[in-house]
C-alpha atoms as a PDB file:
ATOM      1  CA  UNK A   1      -2.254  37.216  49.461  1.00  0.00           C
ATOM      2  CA  UNK A   2      -3.435  34.660  52.343  1.00  0.00           C
ATOM      3  CA  UNK A   3      -6.932  34.380  53.601  1.00  0.00           C
ATOM      4  CA  UNK A   4      -7.697  37.200  55.834  1.00  0.00           C
ATOM      5  CA  UNK A   5      -9.054  35.366  58.315  1.00  0.00           C
ATOM      6  CA  UNK A   6      -6.894  34.691  61.507  1.00  0.00           C
ATOM      7  CA  UNK A   7      -5.121  31.394  62.152  1.00  0.00           C
ATOM      8  CA  UNK A   8      -5.692  30.689  57.924  1.00  0.00           C
ATOM      9  CA  UNK A   9      -2.462  30.629  55.837  1.00  0.00           C
ATOM     10  CA  UNK A  10      -4.590  29.286  52.846  1.00  0.00           C
ATOM     11  CA  UNK A  11      -4.861  31.545  49.553  1.00  0.00           C
ATOM     12  CA  UNK A  12      -7.578  34.944  48.899  1.00  0.00           C
ATOM     13  CA  UNK A  13      -9.390  33.443  46.052  1.00  0.00           C
ATOM     14  CA  UNK A  14     -13.093  35.513  47.183  1.00  0.00           C
ATOM     15  CA  UNK A  15     -13.118  39.505  47.820  1.00  0.00           C
ATOM     16  CA  UNK A  16     -16.162  39.561  50.232  1.00  0.00           C
ATOM     17  CA  UNK A  17     -18.553  42.642  49.945  1.00  0.00           C
ATOM     18  CA  UNK A  18     -19.700  42.975  53.698  1.00  0.00           C
ATOM     19  CA  UNK A  19     -22.165  45.790  54.312  1.00  0.00           C
ATOM     20  CA  UNK A  20     -21.403  46.140  57.577  1.00  0.00           C
ATOM     21  CA  UNK A  21     -17.907  46.309  58.245  1.00  0.00           C
ATOM     22  CA  UNK A  22     -14.373  46.441  55.477  1.00  0.00           C
ATOM     23  CA  UNK A  23     -14.177  43.750  52.679  1.00  0.00           C
ATOM     24  CA  UNK A  24     -12.016  41.258  52.902  1.00  0.00           C
ATOM     25  CA  UNK A  25     -10.349  38.539  51.076  1.00  0.00           C
ATOM     26  CA  UNK A  26     -10.437  35.191  51.855  1.00  0.00           C
ATOM     27  CA  UNK A  27      -9.865  31.583  50.904  1.00  0.00           C
ATOM     28  CA  UNK A  28     -13.066  29.596  49.128  1.00  0.00           C
ATOM     29  CA  UNK A  29     -14.021  27.527  52.574  1.00  0.00           C
ATOM     30  CA  UNK A  30     -14.427  30.927  54.882  1.00  0.00           C
ATOM     31  CA  UNK A  31     -16.448  32.289  51.593  1.00  0.00           C
ATOM     32  CA  UNK A  32     -18.690  29.215  51.437  1.00  0.00           C
ATOM     33  CA  UNK A  33     -19.276  30.489  54.953  1.00  0.00           C
ATOM     34  CA  UNK A  34     -19.389  33.778  55.582  1.00  0.00           C
ATOM     35  CA  UNK A  35     -20.844  34.309  51.826  1.00  0.00           C
ATOM     36  CA  UNK A  36     -24.313  32.697  53.540  1.00  0.00           C
ATOM     37  CA  UNK A  37     -24.556  35.582  55.720  1.00  0.00           C
ATOM     38  CA  UNK A  38     -27.524  38.339  54.608  1.00  0.00           C
ATOM     39  CA  UNK A  39     -26.343  41.136  52.493  1.00  0.00           C
ATOM     40  CA  UNK A  40     -22.497  39.910  51.868  1.00  0.00           C
ATOM     41  CA  UNK A  41     -21.758  39.332  48.367  1.00  0.00           C
ATOM     42  CA  UNK A  42     -19.261  37.066  47.643  1.00  0.00           C
ATOM     43  CA  UNK A  43     -17.458  38.044  44.590  1.00  0.00           C
ATOM     44  CA  UNK A  44     -14.387  35.485  42.967  1.00  0.00           C
ATOM     45  CA  UNK A  45     -11.377  36.594  42.670  1.00  0.00           C
ATOM     46  CA  UNK A  46     -10.316  36.032  38.551  1.00  0.00           C
ATOM     47  CA  UNK A  47      -6.380  36.445  39.341  1.00  0.00           C
ATOM     48  CA  UNK A  48      -6.248  34.431  42.209  1.00  0.00           C
ATOM     49  CA  UNK A  49      -5.264  30.971  40.075  1.00  0.00           C
ATOM     50  CA  UNK A  50      -1.971  33.309  39.693  1.00  0.00           C
ATOM     51  CA  UNK A  51      -1.646  32.752  43.750  1.00  0.00           C
ATOM     52  CA  UNK A  52      -2.031  29.445  43.402  1.00  0.00           C
ATOM     53  CA  UNK A  53       0.703  28.494  41.444  1.00  0.00           C
ATOM     54  CA  UNK A  54       3.530  30.498  43.568  1.00  0.00           C
END
């Protein structure tokens, strides 16, 4: 699965739990930036390593 952010084709490796919006799957770089907002919880996807091998 790809990152849900616009114009990003990296594999999604983190699920962001966003209290004021829908949860989303994003790549590690987007998770680092978006996860710094108050209330956002970054949850790494343990099965995402399989996506990288495809």
